[in-house]
Amino acid sequence: MFPAPRQRWVDAMQSPEAAIRALPHDTLVVHGREDQVIPLGNSLLLSQWIPRSQLHVFGQCGHWTQIEHAARFAQLVENFLAEADGLNE
């Protein structure tokens, strides 16, 4: 994706598939449908690998969901955290 030597730093941030599949936590995966940086397929795959995941795709949104749809993003995260907190009580 990036020219050398930058790609090696991106590769170093990757988590092994087995570690991702083993995540025991409720996980919110958020993606912008028109993201030109990271393909939507990456988030679809994560949502399949993580057993307790929820995927939310923002339409008419690029890479910065938290900025492009700030209020809706904040509400989504707040609801997710409130629900997760309620499950832990």
N, C-alpha and C. Protein backbone atom coordinates (compact mmCIF):
# COMPACT_ATOMS: atom_id res chain seq x y z
N MET A 1 0.82 -1.19 0.00
CA MET A 1 0.00 0.00 0.00
C MET A 1 0.87 1.26 0.00
N PHE A 2 1.96 1.24 0.76
CA PHE A 2 2.85 2.39 0.86
C PHE A 2 4.22 2.03 0.30
N PRO A 3 4.93 3.04 -0.22
CA PRO A 3 6.29 2.75 -0.71
C PRO A 3 7.23 2.45 0.46
N ALA A 4 8.26 1.67 0.16
CA ALA A 4 9.27 1.36 1.17
C ALA A 4 9.93 2.66 1.62
N PRO A 5 10.31 2.79 2.85
CA PRO A 5 10.24 1.82 3.94
C PRO A 5 8.95 1.92 4.75
N ARG A 6 8.01 2.80 4.36
CA ARG A 6 6.81 3.03 5.19
C ARG A 6 5.95 1.79 5.36
N GLN A 7 5.86 0.94 4.36
CA GLN A 7 4.97 -0.23 4.45
C GLN A 7 5.35 -1.14 5.61
N ARG A 8 6.64 -1.25 5.91
CA ARG A 8 7.03 -2.16 7.00
C ARG A 8 6.44 -1.73 8.34
N TRP A 9 6.25 -0.42 8.54
CA TRP A 9 5.66 0.06 9.80
C TRP A 9 4.17 -0.26 9.83
N VAL A 10 3.52 -0.21 8.70
CA VAL A 10 2.10 -0.59 8.63
C VAL A 10 1.98 -2.09 8.91
N ASP A 11 2.83 -2.88 8.29
CA ASP A 11 2.80 -4.33 8.51
C ASP A 11 3.05 -4.67 9.98
N ALA A 12 3.89 -3.91 10.65
CA ALA A 12 4.22 -4.18 12.05
C ALA A 12 3.03 -3.94 12.98
N MET A 13 2.04 -3.17 12.53
CA MET A 13 0.87 -2.89 13.36
C MET A 13 -0.22 -3.96 13.23
N GLN A 14 -0.06 -4.90 12.36
CA GLN A 14 -1.08 -5.92 12.14
C GLN A 14 -1.16 -6.89 13.31
N SER A 15 -2.38 -7.35 13.54
CA SER A 15 -2.60 -8.40 14.55
C SER A 15 -2.84 -9.71 13.82
N PRO A 16 -2.35 -10.81 14.37
CA PRO A 16 -2.59 -12.11 13.73
C PRO A 16 -4.08 -12.43 13.72
N GLU A 17 -4.52 -13.10 12.67
CA GLU A 17 -5.93 -13.47 12.55
C GLU A 17 -6.42 -14.23 13.77
N ALA A 18 -5.63 -15.15 14.27
CA ALA A 18 -6.04 -15.95 15.44
C ALA A 18 -6.31 -15.06 16.65
N ALA A 19 -5.51 -14.02 16.83
CA ALA A 19 -5.71 -13.11 17.96
C ALA A 19 -7.01 -12.32 17.79
N ILE A 20 -7.29 -11.92 16.58
CA ILE A 20 -8.53 -11.18 16.31
C ILE A 20 -9.74 -12.09 16.55
N ARG A 21 -9.68 -13.30 16.04
CA ARG A 21 -10.79 -14.25 16.21
C ARG A 21 -11.02 -14.61 17.68
N ALA A 22 -10.00 -14.47 18.50
CA ALA A 22 -10.10 -14.83 19.91
C ALA A 22 -10.60 -13.68 20.80
N LEU A 23 -10.85 -12.53 20.23
CA LEU A 23 -11.32 -11.40 21.04
C LEU A 23 -12.62 -11.77 21.74
N PRO A 24 -12.65 -11.70 23.06
CA PRO A 24 -13.85 -12.11 23.80
C PRO A 24 -14.84 -10.97 24.04
N HIS A 25 -14.49 -9.76 23.66
CA HIS A 25 -15.26 -8.57 24.03
C HIS A 25 -16.28 -8.19 22.97
N ASP A 26 -17.33 -7.49 23.42
CA ASP A 26 -18.22 -6.83 22.48
C ASP A 26 -17.38 -5.80 21.74
N THR A 27 -17.51 -5.79 20.42
CA THR A 27 -16.66 -4.95 19.59
C THR A 27 -17.50 -4.22 18.56
N LEU A 28 -17.31 -2.92 18.46
CA LEU A 28 -18.00 -2.11 17.46
C LEU A 28 -17.02 -1.82 16.34
N VAL A 29 -17.39 -2.21 15.13
CA VAL A 29 -16.58 -1.96 13.94
C VAL A 29 -17.33 -0.89 13.14
N VAL A 30 -16.66 0.22 12.85
CA VAL A 30 -17.29 1.34 12.16
C VAL A 30 -16.52 1.63 10.88
N HIS A 31 -17.25 1.88 9.80
CA HIS A 31 -16.59 2.12 8.52
C HIS A 31 -17.41 3.10 7.68
N GLY A 32 -16.72 3.91 6.90
CA GLY A 32 -17.36 4.78 5.93
C GLY A 32 -17.44 4.05 4.59
N ARG A 33 -18.62 4.00 4.02
CA ARG A 33 -18.83 3.24 2.78
C ARG A 33 -17.94 3.73 1.63
N GLU A 34 -17.68 5.02 1.58
CA GLU A 34 -16.87 5.58 0.49
C GLU A 34 -15.40 5.78 0.89
N ASP A 35 -14.95 5.09 1.90
CA ASP A 35 -13.56 5.18 2.36
C ASP A 35 -12.63 4.81 1.21
N GLN A 36 -11.72 5.71 0.87
CA GLN A 36 -10.75 5.47 -0.20
C GLN A 36 -9.39 5.04 0.35
N VAL A 37 -9.27 4.93 1.68
CA VAL A 37 -8.02 4.55 2.31
C VAL A 37 -8.02 3.07 2.67
N ILE A 38 -9.08 2.63 3.34
CA ILE A 38 -9.21 1.24 3.77
C ILE A 38 -10.48 0.66 3.15
N PRO A 39 -10.38 -0.40 2.39
CA PRO A 39 -11.56 -0.97 1.74
C PRO A 39 -12.60 -1.47 2.76
N LEU A 40 -13.86 -1.31 2.42
CA LEU A 40 -14.96 -1.77 3.27
C LEU A 40 -14.83 -3.26 3.57
N GLY A 41 -14.31 -4.01 2.63
CA GLY A 41 -14.12 -5.44 2.82
C GLY A 41 -13.31 -5.78 4.06
N ASN A 42 -12.38 -4.92 4.45
CA ASN A 42 -11.59 -5.15 5.66
C ASN A 42 -12.49 -5.19 6.90
N SER A 43 -13.42 -4.26 6.99
CA SER A 43 -14.32 -4.22 8.14
C SER A 43 -15.33 -5.36 8.08
N LEU A 44 -15.76 -5.73 6.90
CA LEU A 44 -16.64 -6.89 6.75
C LEU A 44 -15.95 -8.14 7.27
N LEU A 45 -14.68 -8.29 6.92
CA LEU A 45 -13.91 -9.45 7.37
C LEU A 45 -13.74 -9.43 8.89
N LEU A 46 -13.41 -8.27 9.45
CA LEU A 46 -13.28 -8.17 10.90
C LEU A 46 -14.57 -8.56 11.59
N SER A 47 -15.69 -8.09 11.06
CA SER A 47 -16.97 -8.41 11.69
C SER A 47 -17.30 -9.89 11.61
N GLN A 48 -16.76 -10.57 10.62
CA GLN A 48 -16.94 -12.02 10.53
C GLN A 48 -16.00 -12.75 11.49
N TRP A 49 -14.81 -12.24 11.66
CA TRP A 49 -13.82 -12.88 12.52
C TRP A 49 -14.11 -12.70 14.00
N ILE A 50 -14.69 -11.56 14.38
CA ILE A 50 -14.90 -11.26 15.81
C ILE A 50 -16.30 -11.72 16.18
N PRO A 51 -16.39 -12.74 17.01
CA PRO A 51 -17.70 -13.33 17.31
C PRO A 51 -18.72 -12.35 17.89
N ARG A 52 -18.29 -11.46 18.75
CA ARG A 52 -19.23 -10.55 19.42
C ARG A 52 -19.11 -9.14 18.85
N SER A 53 -19.10 -9.05 17.52
CA SER A 53 -18.93 -7.74 16.89
C SER A 53 -20.24 -7.25 16.29
N GLN A 54 -20.30 -5.94 16.15
CA GLN A 54 -21.36 -5.27 15.43
C GLN A 54 -20.67 -4.39 14.40
N LEU A 55 -21.18 -4.40 13.18
CA LEU A 55 -20.62 -3.56 12.11
C LEU A 55 -21.62 -2.48 11.77
N HIS A 56 -21.15 -1.24 11.75
CA HIS A 56 -21.98 -0.13 11.30
C HIS A 56 -21.25 0.57 10.15
N VAL A 57 -21.93 0.68 9.01
CA VAL A 57 -21.35 1.34 7.84
C VAL A 57 -22.11 2.64 7.62
N PHE A 58 -21.38 3.75 7.64
CA PHE A 58 -21.96 5.05 7.38
C PHE A 58 -21.95 5.31 5.87
N GLY A 59 -23.12 5.56 5.30
CA GLY A 59 -23.21 5.93 3.89
C GLY A 59 -22.79 7.37 3.70
N GLN A 60 -22.41 7.70 2.49
CA GLN A 60 -21.93 9.05 2.15
C GLN A 60 -20.86 9.49 3.13
N CYS A 61 -19.88 8.60 3.32
CA CYS A 61 -18.83 8.85 4.31
C CYS A 61 -17.53 8.23 3.84
N GLY A 62 -16.46 8.97 4.01
CA GLY A 62 -15.14 8.48 3.66
C GLY A 62 -14.44 7.86 4.86
N HIS A 63 -13.17 8.19 5.01
CA HIS A 63 -12.30 7.56 6.00
C HIS A 63 -12.52 8.06 7.43
N TRP A 64 -13.04 9.26 7.59
CA TRP A 64 -13.12 9.89 8.92
C TRP A 64 -14.56 9.91 9.43
N THR A 65 -15.11 8.75 9.75
CA THR A 65 -16.50 8.68 10.22
C THR A 65 -16.73 9.57 11.44
N GLN A 66 -15.77 9.59 12.35
CA GLN A 66 -15.93 10.35 13.59
C GLN A 66 -15.95 11.85 13.35
N ILE A 67 -15.49 12.30 12.20
CA ILE A 67 -15.51 13.73 11.85
C ILE A 67 -16.65 14.02 10.88
N GLU A 68 -16.78 13.19 9.84
CA GLU A 68 -17.77 13.42 8.79
C GLU A 68 -19.20 13.28 9.30
N HIS A 69 -19.41 12.42 10.28
CA HIS A 69 -20.74 12.22 10.87
C HIS A 69 -20.60 12.23 12.40
N ALA A 70 -20.04 13.32 12.90
CA ALA A 70 -19.64 13.39 14.31
C ALA A 70 -20.79 13.09 15.28
N ALA A 71 -21.91 13.70 15.10
CA ALA A 71 -23.02 13.52 16.05
C ALA A 71 -23.55 12.09 15.99
N ARG A 72 -23.75 11.56 14.79
CA ARG A 72 -24.25 10.20 14.65
C ARG A 72 -23.23 9.18 15.16
N PHE A 73 -21.95 9.44 14.90
CA PHE A 73 -20.89 8.56 15.39
C PHE A 73 -20.88 8.55 16.92
N ALA A 74 -20.92 9.73 17.52
CA ALA A 74 -20.90 9.82 18.99
C ALA A 74 -22.10 9.11 19.60
N GLN A 75 -23.28 9.25 18.98
CA GLN A 75 -24.47 8.58 19.51
C GLN A 75 -24.35 7.07 19.38
N LEU A 76 -23.82 6.62 18.27
CA LEU A 76 -23.62 5.18 18.05
C LEU A 76 -22.68 4.60 19.12
N VAL A 77 -21.56 5.26 19.35
CA VAL A 77 -20.59 4.79 20.35
C VAL A 77 -21.20 4.86 21.75
N GLU A 78 -21.90 5.95 22.05
CA GLU A 78 -22.53 6.07 23.37
C GLU A 78 -23.53 4.94 23.60
N ASN A 79 -24.36 4.65 22.61
CA ASN A 79 -25.34 3.57 22.74
C ASN A 79 -24.66 2.22 22.90
N PHE A 80 -23.61 2.00 22.13
CA PHE A 80 -22.87 0.74 22.20
C PHE A 80 -22.26 0.55 23.59
N LEU A 81 -21.62 1.58 24.10
CA LEU A 81 -21.00 1.49 25.42
C LEU A 81 -22.03 1.34 26.53
N ALA A 82 -23.15 2.03 26.42
CA ALA A 82 -24.21 1.91 27.42
C ALA A 82 -24.77 0.49 27.43
N GLU A 83 -24.96 -0.07 26.26
CA GLU A 83 -25.47 -1.44 26.16
C GLU A 83 -24.45 -2.43 26.73
N ALA A 84 -23.19 -2.26 26.38
CA ALA A 84 -22.13 -3.15 26.88
C ALA A 84 -22.02 -3.04 28.40
N ASP A 85 -22.15 -1.82 28.94
CA ASP A 85 -22.07 -1.62 30.37
C ASP A 85 -23.24 -2.31 31.07
N GLY A 86 -24.41 -2.24 30.47
CA GLY A 86 -25.59 -2.88 31.03
C GLY A 86 -25.46 -4.40 31.05
N LEU A 87 -24.76 -4.96 30.08
CA LEU A 87 -24.55 -6.40 30.03
C LEU A 87 -23.58 -6.86 31.11
N ASN A 88 -22.70 -5.96 31.53
CA ASN A 88 -21.67 -6.32 32.51
C ASN A 88 -22.14 -6.16 33.94
N GLU A 89 -23.32 -5.64 34.16
CA GLU A 89 -23.81 -5.43 35.53
C GLU A 89 -24.38 -6.69 36.11
